[in-house]
Amino acid sequence: MTLAVVGMLLFGLFTHMACGATYALVPFIDRKALGGVAGIIGAGGNVGAVAAGFLLKGLGDLQQTLTMLGVLATLAALCAIAIRFSAEHKAQEQALYDSALAN
């Protein structure tokens, strides 16, 4: 029983750290559309939860559902490799960074 509680606490801790890391990246995506980016990230978690529920209902097997969710999460994470920002966007962000350091 104690091991289960400790395990759940650790799982919750790491889950919250992952969520915090996701929201920490929001200002680096696009400062001009900060609210929109934060909204999409926030809505993405809810959409994923609903999709996972439908996946569990459709497959009917918990082990198969968790395996499928793991594969889908890995594929989504690999898609982040393809993200590229324009040189103009990078220059604007560098200028903002330099001005922040100067202050």
N, C-alpha and C. Protein backbone atom coordinates (compact mmCIF):
# COMPACT_ATOMS: atom_id res chain seq x y z
N MET A 1 0.83 -1.19 0.00
CA MET A 1 0.00 0.00 0.00
C MET A 1 0.88 1.26 0.00
N THR A 2 1.89 1.28 0.85
CA THR A 2 2.77 2.44 0.92
C THR A 2 3.51 2.64 -0.39
N LEU A 3 3.94 1.55 -0.99
CA LEU A 3 4.66 1.63 -2.26
C LEU A 3 3.74 2.19 -3.36
N ALA A 4 2.48 1.82 -3.33
CA ALA A 4 1.53 2.34 -4.33
C ALA A 4 1.33 3.85 -4.16
N VAL A 5 1.24 4.31 -2.93
CA VAL A 5 1.06 5.75 -2.68
C VAL A 5 2.31 6.52 -3.13
N VAL A 6 3.47 6.00 -2.80
CA VAL A 6 4.71 6.65 -3.21
C VAL A 6 4.81 6.66 -4.74
N GLY A 7 4.44 5.55 -5.38
CA GLY A 7 4.45 5.48 -6.83
C GLY A 7 3.51 6.50 -7.46
N MET A 8 2.32 6.65 -6.91
CA MET A 8 1.36 7.62 -7.44
C MET A 8 1.85 9.05 -7.23
N LEU A 9 2.47 9.32 -6.10
CA LEU A 9 3.01 10.65 -5.85
C LEU A 9 4.13 10.99 -6.85
N LEU A 10 5.00 10.02 -7.09
CA LEU A 10 6.08 10.25 -8.05
C LEU A 10 5.54 10.42 -9.46
N PHE A 11 4.55 9.62 -9.83
CA PHE A 11 3.93 9.75 -11.14
C PHE A 11 3.29 11.13 -11.30
N GLY A 12 2.57 11.57 -10.28
CA GLY A 12 1.95 12.90 -10.32
C GLY A 12 2.98 14.01 -10.40
N LEU A 13 4.08 13.86 -9.67
CA LEU A 13 5.14 14.86 -9.70
C LEU A 13 5.73 14.99 -11.10
N PHE A 14 6.06 13.85 -11.72
CA PHE A 14 6.64 13.90 -13.05
C PHE A 14 5.63 14.36 -14.10
N THR A 15 4.36 14.03 -13.92
CA THR A 15 3.33 14.50 -14.84
C THR A 15 3.21 16.01 -14.77
N HIS A 16 3.20 16.57 -13.57
CA HIS A 16 3.11 18.01 -13.42
C HIS A 16 4.37 18.72 -13.94
N MET A 17 5.52 18.11 -13.78
CA MET A 17 6.74 18.69 -14.33
C MET A 17 6.69 18.71 -15.86
N ALA A 18 6.13 17.66 -16.46
CA ALA A 18 6.02 17.62 -17.91
C ALA A 18 5.05 18.69 -18.40
N CYS A 19 3.94 18.87 -17.69
CA CYS A 19 2.99 19.93 -18.07
C CYS A 19 3.62 21.30 -17.93
N GLY A 20 4.35 21.52 -16.87
CA GLY A 20 5.03 22.80 -16.68
C GLY A 20 6.07 23.06 -17.76
N ALA A 21 6.77 22.02 -18.16
CA ALA A 21 7.76 22.18 -19.22
C ALA A 21 7.09 22.52 -20.54
N THR A 22 5.92 21.95 -20.78
CA THR A 22 5.18 22.26 -22.01
C THR A 22 4.76 23.72 -22.02
N TYR A 23 4.20 24.20 -20.92
CA TYR A 23 3.75 25.59 -20.87
C TYR A 23 4.94 26.56 -20.82
N ALA A 24 6.09 26.11 -20.36
CA ALA A 24 7.27 26.98 -20.33
C ALA A 24 7.76 27.27 -21.74
N LEU A 25 7.45 26.41 -22.68
CA LEU A 25 7.87 26.61 -24.06
C LEU A 25 6.97 27.55 -24.84
N VAL A 26 5.79 27.85 -24.32
CA VAL A 26 4.81 28.67 -25.04
C VAL A 26 5.38 30.01 -25.51
N PRO A 27 6.08 30.78 -24.68
CA PRO A 27 6.58 32.08 -25.16
C PRO A 27 7.61 31.95 -26.28
N PHE A 28 8.25 30.81 -26.40
CA PHE A 28 9.27 30.63 -27.43
C PHE A 28 8.66 30.25 -28.77
N ILE A 29 7.40 29.86 -28.80
CA ILE A 29 6.76 29.48 -30.06
C ILE A 29 6.47 30.72 -30.89
N ASP A 30 5.66 31.63 -30.35
CA ASP A 30 5.34 32.86 -31.06
C ASP A 30 4.82 33.87 -30.05
N ARG A 31 5.61 34.90 -29.78
CA ARG A 31 5.22 35.90 -28.79
C ARG A 31 4.00 36.69 -29.21
N LYS A 32 3.80 36.84 -30.51
CA LYS A 32 2.67 37.63 -30.99
C LYS A 32 1.34 36.88 -30.82
N ALA A 33 1.38 35.57 -30.78
CA ALA A 33 0.17 34.76 -30.64
C ALA A 33 0.22 33.95 -29.36
N LEU A 34 0.67 34.57 -28.29
CA LEU A 34 0.88 33.87 -27.03
C LEU A 34 -0.40 33.20 -26.52
N GLY A 35 -1.51 33.94 -26.54
CA GLY A 35 -2.77 33.38 -26.05
C GLY A 35 -3.27 32.23 -26.89
N GLY A 36 -3.13 32.37 -28.20
CA GLY A 36 -3.57 31.30 -29.09
C GLY A 36 -2.77 30.03 -28.91
N VAL A 37 -1.47 30.18 -28.78
CA VAL A 37 -0.61 29.01 -28.59
C VAL A 37 -0.91 28.34 -27.25
N ALA A 38 -1.08 29.13 -26.20
CA ALA A 38 -1.40 28.56 -24.89
C ALA A 38 -2.76 27.85 -24.93
N GLY A 39 -3.71 28.43 -25.65
CA GLY A 39 -5.03 27.80 -25.77
C GLY A 39 -4.98 26.48 -26.50
N ILE A 40 -4.19 26.43 -27.57
CA ILE A 40 -4.08 25.19 -28.33
C ILE A 40 -3.40 24.11 -27.48
N ILE A 41 -2.38 24.49 -26.75
CA ILE A 41 -1.70 23.52 -25.88
C ILE A 41 -2.65 23.02 -24.80
N GLY A 42 -3.40 23.95 -24.19
CA GLY A 42 -4.35 23.55 -23.15
C GLY A 42 -5.45 22.66 -23.69
N ALA A 43 -5.97 22.99 -24.86
CA ALA A 43 -7.04 22.20 -25.46
C ALA A 43 -6.53 20.83 -25.91
N GLY A 44 -5.26 20.77 -26.29
CA GLY A 44 -4.69 19.51 -26.74
C GLY A 44 -4.74 18.43 -25.67
N GLY A 45 -4.52 18.80 -24.44
CA GLY A 45 -4.60 17.82 -23.35
C GLY A 45 -6.00 17.27 -23.18
N ASN A 46 -7.00 18.14 -23.30
CA ASN A 46 -8.39 17.69 -23.18
C ASN A 46 -8.79 16.80 -24.35
N VAL A 47 -8.37 17.17 -25.55
CA VAL A 47 -8.67 16.35 -26.72
C VAL A 47 -8.02 14.98 -26.60
N GLY A 48 -6.78 14.96 -26.10
CA GLY A 48 -6.10 13.69 -25.90
C GLY A 48 -6.79 12.80 -24.89
N ALA A 49 -7.30 13.40 -23.83
CA ALA A 49 -8.00 12.61 -22.81
C ALA A 49 -9.28 12.01 -23.37
N VAL A 50 -10.03 12.79 -24.12
CA VAL A 50 -11.27 12.29 -24.72
C VAL A 50 -10.95 11.19 -25.74
N ALA A 51 -9.92 11.43 -26.57
CA ALA A 51 -9.54 10.43 -27.56
C ALA A 51 -9.08 9.13 -26.90
N ALA A 52 -8.36 9.25 -25.78
CA ALA A 52 -7.92 8.04 -25.06
C ALA A 52 -9.13 7.28 -24.51
N GLY A 53 -10.13 8.00 -24.03
CA GLY A 53 -11.34 7.34 -23.54
C GLY A 53 -12.06 6.59 -24.65
N PHE A 54 -12.18 7.21 -25.82
CA PHE A 54 -12.82 6.54 -26.95
C PHE A 54 -11.98 5.37 -27.44
N LEU A 55 -10.67 5.51 -27.39
CA LEU A 55 -9.78 4.42 -27.79
C LEU A 55 -9.95 3.23 -26.85
N LEU A 56 -10.03 3.50 -25.56
CA LEU A 56 -10.23 2.42 -24.59
C LEU A 56 -11.58 1.75 -24.82
N LYS A 57 -12.59 2.54 -25.08
CA LYS A 57 -13.93 1.98 -25.33
C LYS A 57 -13.94 1.15 -26.60
N GLY A 58 -13.23 1.62 -27.63
CA GLY A 58 -13.21 0.90 -28.90
C GLY A 58 -12.39 -0.37 -28.86
N LEU A 59 -11.24 -0.33 -28.21
CA LEU A 59 -10.38 -1.51 -28.15
C LEU A 59 -10.83 -2.48 -27.07
N GLY A 60 -11.27 -1.95 -25.95
CA GLY A 60 -11.77 -2.80 -24.88
C GLY A 60 -10.71 -3.44 -24.01
N ASP A 61 -9.45 -3.34 -24.39
CA ASP A 61 -8.37 -3.96 -23.64
C ASP A 61 -7.43 -2.85 -23.13
N LEU A 62 -7.24 -2.79 -21.82
CA LEU A 62 -6.44 -1.73 -21.22
C LEU A 62 -4.98 -1.79 -21.69
N GLN A 63 -4.40 -2.98 -21.73
CA GLN A 63 -3.00 -3.13 -22.13
C GLN A 63 -2.80 -2.66 -23.57
N GLN A 64 -3.70 -3.05 -24.45
CA GLN A 64 -3.60 -2.66 -25.85
C GLN A 64 -3.80 -1.15 -26.01
N THR A 65 -4.71 -0.58 -25.23
CA THR A 65 -4.95 0.87 -25.28
C THR A 65 -3.73 1.64 -24.83
N LEU A 66 -3.11 1.22 -23.71
CA LEU A 66 -1.93 1.92 -23.22
C LEU A 66 -0.75 1.79 -24.18
N THR A 67 -0.63 0.64 -24.83
CA THR A 67 0.42 0.47 -25.83
C THR A 67 0.19 1.41 -27.01
N MET A 68 -1.05 1.49 -27.47
CA MET A 68 -1.38 2.38 -28.58
C MET A 68 -1.14 3.84 -28.21
N LEU A 69 -1.50 4.23 -27.00
CA LEU A 69 -1.26 5.61 -26.54
C LEU A 69 0.24 5.91 -26.47
N GLY A 70 1.03 4.95 -26.03
CA GLY A 70 2.48 5.12 -25.99
C GLY A 70 3.06 5.31 -27.37
N VAL A 71 2.59 4.53 -28.33
CA VAL A 71 3.07 4.65 -29.71
C VAL A 71 2.66 6.01 -30.28
N LEU A 72 1.41 6.42 -30.05
CA LEU A 72 0.94 7.71 -30.57
C LEU A 72 1.69 8.88 -29.93
N ALA A 73 1.99 8.79 -28.64
CA ALA A 73 2.74 9.86 -27.97
C ALA A 73 4.17 9.94 -28.52
N THR A 74 4.76 8.79 -28.79
CA THR A 74 6.10 8.77 -29.37
C THR A 74 6.11 9.37 -30.77
N LEU A 75 5.12 9.02 -31.58
CA LEU A 75 5.04 9.59 -32.93
C LEU A 75 4.81 11.10 -32.89
N ALA A 76 3.98 11.55 -31.97
CA ALA A 76 3.74 12.99 -31.84
C ALA A 76 5.01 13.71 -31.41
N ALA A 77 5.77 13.12 -30.50
CA ALA A 77 7.02 13.73 -30.06
C ALA A 77 8.04 13.77 -31.20
N LEU A 78 8.06 12.74 -32.02
CA LEU A 78 9.00 12.73 -33.15
C LEU A 78 8.64 13.78 -34.19
N CYS A 79 7.38 14.15 -34.27
CA CYS A 79 6.97 15.21 -35.21
C CYS A 79 7.60 16.55 -34.85
N ALA A 80 7.96 16.73 -33.60
CA ALA A 80 8.57 17.99 -33.17
C ALA A 80 9.93 18.21 -33.82
N ILE A 81 10.55 17.15 -34.29
CA ILE A 81 11.84 17.28 -34.97
C ILE A 81 11.69 18.07 -36.26
N ALA A 82 10.53 17.98 -36.89
CA ALA A 82 10.30 18.64 -38.18
C ALA A 82 10.01 20.13 -38.06
N ILE A 83 9.85 20.66 -36.86
CA ILE A 83 9.51 22.07 -36.68
C ILE A 83 10.75 22.92 -36.96
N ARG A 84 10.58 23.89 -37.82
CA ARG A 84 11.65 24.83 -38.16
C ARG A 84 11.09 26.24 -38.13
N PHE A 85 11.88 27.18 -37.63
CA PHE A 85 11.48 28.57 -37.59
C PHE A 85 12.26 29.33 -38.65
N SER A 86 11.64 30.37 -39.22
CA SER A 86 12.29 31.16 -40.26
C SER A 86 13.44 31.97 -39.66
N ALA A 87 14.33 32.42 -40.53
CA ALA A 87 15.46 33.24 -40.08
C ALA A 87 14.96 34.56 -39.51
N GLU A 88 13.89 35.10 -40.09
CA GLU A 88 13.32 36.34 -39.59
C GLU A 88 12.78 36.17 -38.17
N HIS A 89 12.10 35.06 -37.94
CA HIS A 89 11.55 34.79 -36.60
C HIS A 89 12.69 34.62 -35.58
N LYS A 90 13.73 33.91 -35.98
CA LYS A 90 14.87 33.71 -35.08
C LYS A 90 15.55 35.04 -34.75
N ALA A 91 15.67 35.92 -35.76
CA ALA A 91 16.30 37.23 -35.54
C ALA A 91 15.47 38.08 -34.58
N GLN A 92 14.15 38.05 -34.72
CA GLN A 92 13.28 38.80 -33.81
C GLN A 92 13.41 38.28 -32.38
N GLU A 93 13.43 36.97 -32.23
CA GLU A 93 13.55 36.39 -30.90
C GLU A 93 14.92 36.70 -30.29
N GLN A 94 15.96 36.68 -31.11
CA GLN A 94 17.31 37.01 -30.61
C GLN A 94 17.37 38.45 -30.16
N ALA A 95 16.72 39.36 -30.89
CA ALA A 95 16.69 40.77 -30.50
C ALA A 95 15.95 40.94 -29.17
N LEU A 96 14.85 40.23 -29.00
CA LEU A 96 14.12 40.30 -27.73
C LEU A 96 14.96 39.74 -26.58
N TYR A 97 15.67 38.66 -26.86
CA TYR A 97 16.54 38.05 -25.85
C TYR A 97 17.66 39.00 -25.46
N ASP A 98 18.28 39.61 -26.45
CA ASP A 98 19.38 40.54 -26.17
C ASP A 98 18.90 41.77 -25.37
N SER A 99 17.73 42.28 -25.71
CA SER A 99 17.21 43.42 -24.97
C SER A 99 16.85 43.03 -23.54
N ALA A 100 16.39 41.82 -23.35
CA ALA A 100 16.08 41.36 -21.99
C ALA A 100 17.35 41.22 -21.16
N LEU A 101 18.42 40.75 -21.78
CA LEU A 101 19.69 40.62 -21.07
C LEU A 101 20.29 41.99 -20.74
N ALA A 102 20.08 42.95 -21.63
CA ALA A 102 20.60 44.29 -21.41
C ALA A 102 19.94 44.98 -20.22
N ASN A 103 18.67 44.64 -19.98
CA ASN A 103 17.94 45.24 -18.84
C ASN A 103 18.33 44.51 -17.63
